[in-house]
Amino acid sequence: MNILLANIDYPLYVSRFFTNFKKSLSRSFPFAPITLPILAALTPKDYTIEIKDWCRYQDLNFDGDYDLIGLSFNTNYAIEAYKIADEFRRRGKTVVLGGWHSSALPLEAKQHSDAVVIGEAEETWPELLNDFKNKNLRQFYSQKKPTDPKKIPILQNYTKIETPGVQATRGCPYRCDFCSITYAKFGNIFRARPIEDVIKEIKSTRENLFVFYDNSLTINPSYTKELFKEMKSLNKKFTCYGNINVLNNDDELLKLSSEAGCKCWFIGFESVSQQSLESAGKKTNLVKNYISAVKKIHDYGAIVFGLFVFGFDYDKPDIFEKTKEFLRKSEIDFAQFHILTPYPGTPIFEKFEEQNRILTKDWSLYDCYNVVFKPRNMTPEQLYDNTKKVISEFYSYHNCSRRTFTSMKLLGSHNFIDMGLTNLKQRDDYRHLFKVNRHG
């Protein structure tokens, strides 16, 4: 029996100009999808599986010899995923849908599929395959309890994408109002895998550089410290997510991360407005500690990739200048800027829906670079245009060059070209994203 597993998505960080520089630090983007390899590892050996890590409609063979098609996707690719599902079903194929969007709106997803997997699938996927084999496929599959971390399969050499992903923990208890991950079923329940399983998985990666998929490696610092201690001898480099409150106060964690090979911390700063953070349920951030935390991370030899969101209800037009001032003072190495996007299934979506502030449900616009709701203290045009200006200034040629030279102090002169290419690559990608001015 033949199965096609496809991730309907196209990564942001795919440069059209620098793809030939295979050794660039920018290989840490995009991250290889991890959901489909987990499903493949859970599939009995008598099935033949084809995985498409990143694909669009034009990348798929609709006449392929597939018995079952599984599609995973997020909200901004829902419309395209439904188009793909409809085409496969038109040709008599059985289609199963999963991922964040399907889990948030299973009734919608069912209109385009034979079955929908809601949330985690370590238990439901084998059950679904058995039902399909016995011609008894149900409409919906949803686990009754969170996955036991000991049952998460160990992945080995599972992807052709150069930067593999490893998941040490699952779940995030903080539940920020805008986060689609923690409001998925069981997404707020933190679980840690056995460290020996994680080490085995890291050892199996062919590449020297990998990324931790964890929501944050600072949720349980004691566990993370033990993990980093075991990683010291692996001679690997990695990037990971962390919360600013822990990173600002735990020197031992930063020291161990450096010894284990951490080269970059992704940090959800989200906003430089404390009031905006509190209104969105971001409990782990204190703006007054931002600059000291960035400096401390730099002191331990890692770069900082900051994540920022514009459009919270307490954001006024001056938030953009305040953010630019912080970026200048903090000397953050890289940054990603999003327009607040109320994803289905989150409290912020429900709030905006109730207040009649949702401008569109064209899911293709839910990509964090379009305004799909009515901001409280600015117009949609102000939110869009000023976000674009912040990005343009941060990724100007002058600032890209300045950050590239500064990074030499942290990563050494041999990474000079890598950092320069990564800066320019992101500049190119953002220019492409904002090429068409849309506000929803």
Foldseek 3Di string as FASTA:
>chain_A
DEEEEEEEADWLQDFPPPPVPVPFPSLQPPEFDDQVLLLVVLDDPVYHYDYHGYDFLVVDDLPDPHQEYEYEYALLCVVRVLVNLQSNVVVPHAYEYEYLQCQLPVVVVLVRGQAYEADDPLPPSVVQVVCVVVVNHDHYHYDPDDDALQSRDQDAQRDPRQAYEAEFKAADQQAFQQDSQNLGVCRHPIHGHDLVSRVVSVLRRPHQEYEYPYPALAPPLVVLLVSLVVQLPSNHAYEYEHELQCLLPPLSSLLSNLSNHYAEYEYEQAFLDPVLCVVRSVPRDDNVSVLSSQVSSLVSQHAYEYEYEDQRQPDALCRLVVVLVCCVRNLHLHYDYFYRARGRSGNVVVVQVVVVFFQDSNSSQRPRQAAGGAGNHDGLVSRNVSSLVSLCVCLPPVNQQVSLVVSCVRPNPVNSVSSSVSSVSSNSSSCVSPVDPHHD
